[in-house]
Amino acid sequence: MELEQAGGGFMIVAGIGSRRGVTAEEVCAAMRAAMERHGVKLCDISLMATPAAKGGEAGIMKAALDLGLLLVMVPHKQLEAAGARAVTHSERVVALMGVPSVAETSALAVAGRRSALIGPRFVLGPVTCAFAREAEKGQETSKGMETA
């Protein structure tokens, strides 16, 4: 799969973490605030990613739909594989999910093995958001991910 966007730029993935019961409005607000913080525009984002365990969250699914983004539900193995590249380490998240940052590992896993975070995760209320950028032309996303 070629990940370069039609406009010539490389793919940016928005990784989302949240508490249970999050609303689409909360997810969208966190995305907007994170985009402003990191200088990312909605048109720059190719995909939204969240752990498969969170993919069933109605608020996350509706936010992806509202923002016009395809939601990728990342299997736990892929989150773990990206864990060493996360810059944020939350003991609470490690205890609950087994990875240092849900948002960061989701974004990194989908953006590819050589991807890098644009910055650390952004937290707004019950939502965390992180952006990862594909590093090299022609990379492929990790296998085994589901899309919604």
Protein backbone atom coordinates (compact mmCIF):
# COMPACT_ATOMS: atom_id res chain seq x y z
CA MET A 1 0.00 0.00 0.00
CA GLU A 2 1.42 3.39 -0.98
CA LEU A 3 1.00 5.80 1.92
CA GLU A 4 2.00 9.01 0.22
CA GLN A 5 -0.98 11.32 -0.06
CA ALA A 6 -2.25 12.48 -3.43
CA GLY A 7 -0.92 15.99 -2.75
CA GLY A 8 2.62 14.67 -2.39
CA GLY A 9 2.94 14.85 1.41
CA PHE A 10 3.51 11.86 3.61
CA MET A 11 0.77 10.33 5.70
CA ILE A 12 -0.01 11.65 9.16
CA VAL A 13 -1.97 9.43 11.53
CA ALA A 14 -3.92 10.73 14.52
CA GLY A 15 -3.78 8.30 17.43
CA ILE A 16 -6.62 8.52 19.95
CA GLY A 17 -6.84 7.27 23.52
CA SER A 18 -9.75 7.91 25.86
CA ARG A 19 -11.63 6.94 28.94
CA ARG A 20 -14.77 4.84 28.50
CA GLY A 21 -17.90 6.67 27.44
CA VAL A 22 -16.10 9.54 25.72
CA THR A 23 -18.27 11.66 23.42
CA ALA A 24 -17.58 12.54 19.80
CA GLU A 25 -17.52 16.20 20.83
CA GLU A 26 -14.75 15.51 23.37
CA VAL A 27 -12.71 13.59 20.80
CA CYS A 28 -13.15 16.32 18.16
CA ALA A 29 -12.23 19.05 20.66
CA ALA A 30 -9.06 17.20 21.64
CA MET A 31 -8.17 16.63 17.99
CA ARG A 32 -8.63 20.34 17.18
CA ALA A 33 -6.55 21.42 20.18
CA ALA A 34 -3.80 18.90 19.36
CA MET A 35 -3.75 20.03 15.72
CA GLU A 36 -3.34 23.64 16.83
CA ARG A 37 -0.58 22.71 19.30
CA HIS A 38 1.41 20.71 16.74
CA GLY A 39 0.67 22.77 13.62
CA VAL A 40 -1.27 20.02 11.87
CA LYS A 41 -4.27 20.69 9.62
CA LEU A 42 -7.19 18.28 9.26
CA CYS A 43 -6.44 17.97 5.55
CA ASP A 44 -2.95 16.69 6.49
CA ILE A 45 -4.37 13.73 8.45
CA SER A 46 -4.89 10.51 6.52
CA LEU A 47 -6.25 8.21 9.23
CA MET A 48 -7.40 8.06 12.83
CA ALA A 49 -6.14 5.14 14.93
CA THR A 50 -7.20 3.70 18.27
CA PRO A 51 -6.70 0.36 20.02
CA ALA A 52 -9.03 -2.38 18.85
CA ALA A 53 -10.20 -2.55 22.46
CA LYS A 54 -11.37 1.10 22.16
CA GLY A 55 -12.64 0.90 18.60
CA GLY A 56 -16.10 0.04 19.75
CA GLU A 57 -16.36 3.35 21.61
CA ALA A 58 -19.27 5.13 19.95
CA GLY A 59 -17.73 8.55 20.60
CA ILE A 60 -14.48 7.67 18.83
CA MET A 61 -16.31 6.10 15.89
CA LYS A 62 -18.64 9.11 15.53
CA ALA A 63 -15.73 11.55 15.79
CA ALA A 64 -13.92 9.77 12.94
CA LEU A 65 -17.10 9.95 10.87
CA ASP A 66 -17.65 13.63 11.73
CA LEU A 67 -14.05 14.47 10.78
CA GLY A 68 -14.22 12.43 7.57
CA LEU A 69 -11.41 10.09 8.64
CA LEU A 70 -11.13 6.35 8.31
CA LEU A 71 -10.75 4.76 11.76
CA VAL A 72 -8.15 2.01 12.08
CA MET A 73 -8.54 -0.28 15.09
CA VAL A 74 -5.05 -1.40 16.09
CA PRO A 75 -4.54 -4.89 17.54
CA HIS A 76 -2.73 -5.05 20.88
CA LYS A 77 0.35 -6.76 19.37
CA GLN A 78 0.88 -3.77 17.07
CA LEU A 79 0.56 -1.33 19.98
CA GLU A 80 3.18 -3.30 21.91
CA ALA A 81 5.52 -3.31 18.90
CA ALA A 82 5.36 0.51 18.74
CA GLY A 83 5.74 0.96 22.50
CA ALA A 84 9.50 1.53 22.50
CA ARG A 85 9.04 4.55 20.20
CA ALA A 86 6.51 6.33 22.43
CA VAL A 87 7.83 9.45 24.18
CA THR A 88 5.22 9.52 26.95
CA HIS A 89 5.14 6.88 29.67
CA SER A 90 2.00 6.68 31.81
CA GLU A 91 2.11 4.13 34.63
CA ARG A 92 -1.70 4.11 34.67
CA VAL A 93 -1.88 3.29 30.96
CA VAL A 94 0.82 0.63 31.29
CA ALA A 95 -1.20 -1.01 34.08
CA LEU A 96 -4.45 -0.87 32.08
CA MET A 97 -3.28 -1.42 28.50
CA GLY A 98 0.30 -2.71 28.68
CA VAL A 99 1.71 0.14 26.57
CA PRO A 100 3.22 3.50 27.62
CA SER A 101 0.76 5.69 25.68
CA VAL A 102 -2.36 4.55 23.83
CA ALA A 103 -2.50 7.59 21.55
CA GLU A 104 1.19 7.55 20.65
CA THR A 105 1.46 3.80 20.04
CA SER A 106 -1.74 3.79 17.97
CA ALA A 107 -0.44 6.57 15.71
CA LEU A 108 3.03 5.02 15.40
CA ALA A 109 1.72 1.53 14.68
CA VAL A 110 -0.45 2.69 11.80
CA ALA A 111 2.04 5.19 10.34
CA GLY A 112 4.65 2.45 9.93
CA ARG A 113 7.82 1.00 11.41
CA ARG A 114 9.95 4.03 10.57
CA SER A 115 7.39 6.65 11.52
CA ALA A 116 8.01 9.31 14.15
CA LEU A 117 5.82 11.32 16.46
CA ILE A 118 5.28 14.96 15.55
CA GLY A 119 5.27 15.71 19.27
CA PRO A 120 4.17 14.17 22.55
CA ARG A 121 0.54 13.24 23.09
CA PHE A 122 -1.89 16.04 23.86
CA VAL A 123 -4.39 15.58 26.69
CA LEU A 124 -7.75 17.33 26.89
CA GLY A 125 -10.16 15.99 29.49
CA PRO A 126 -10.78 12.27 28.89
CA VAL A 127 -9.03 12.20 25.49
CA THR A 128 -5.40 11.88 24.42
CA CYS A 129 -4.28 12.60 20.86
CA ALA A 130 -0.92 12.09 19.18
CA PHE A 131 0.25 12.49 15.59
CA ALA A 132 2.78 10.29 13.82
CA ARG A 133 4.24 10.93 10.40
CA GLU A 134 5.40 8.34 7.93
CA ALA A 135 9.18 8.66 7.52
CA GLU A 136 9.92 7.14 4.13
CA LYS A 137 8.13 6.88 0.82
CA GLY A 138 6.68 3.46 0.11
CA GLN A 139 6.30 2.25 3.68
CA GLU A 140 3.38 0.00 4.47
CA THR A 141 1.16 -0.04 7.51
CA SER A 142 1.55 -2.95 9.88
CA LYS A 143 -0.36 -6.05 8.87
CA GLY A 144 -3.39 -7.32 10.72
CA MET A 145 -5.17 -4.04 11.41
CA GLU A 146 -8.87 -3.64 10.97
CA THR A 147 -10.62 -0.60 9.57
CA ALA A 148 -14.04 0.70 10.51
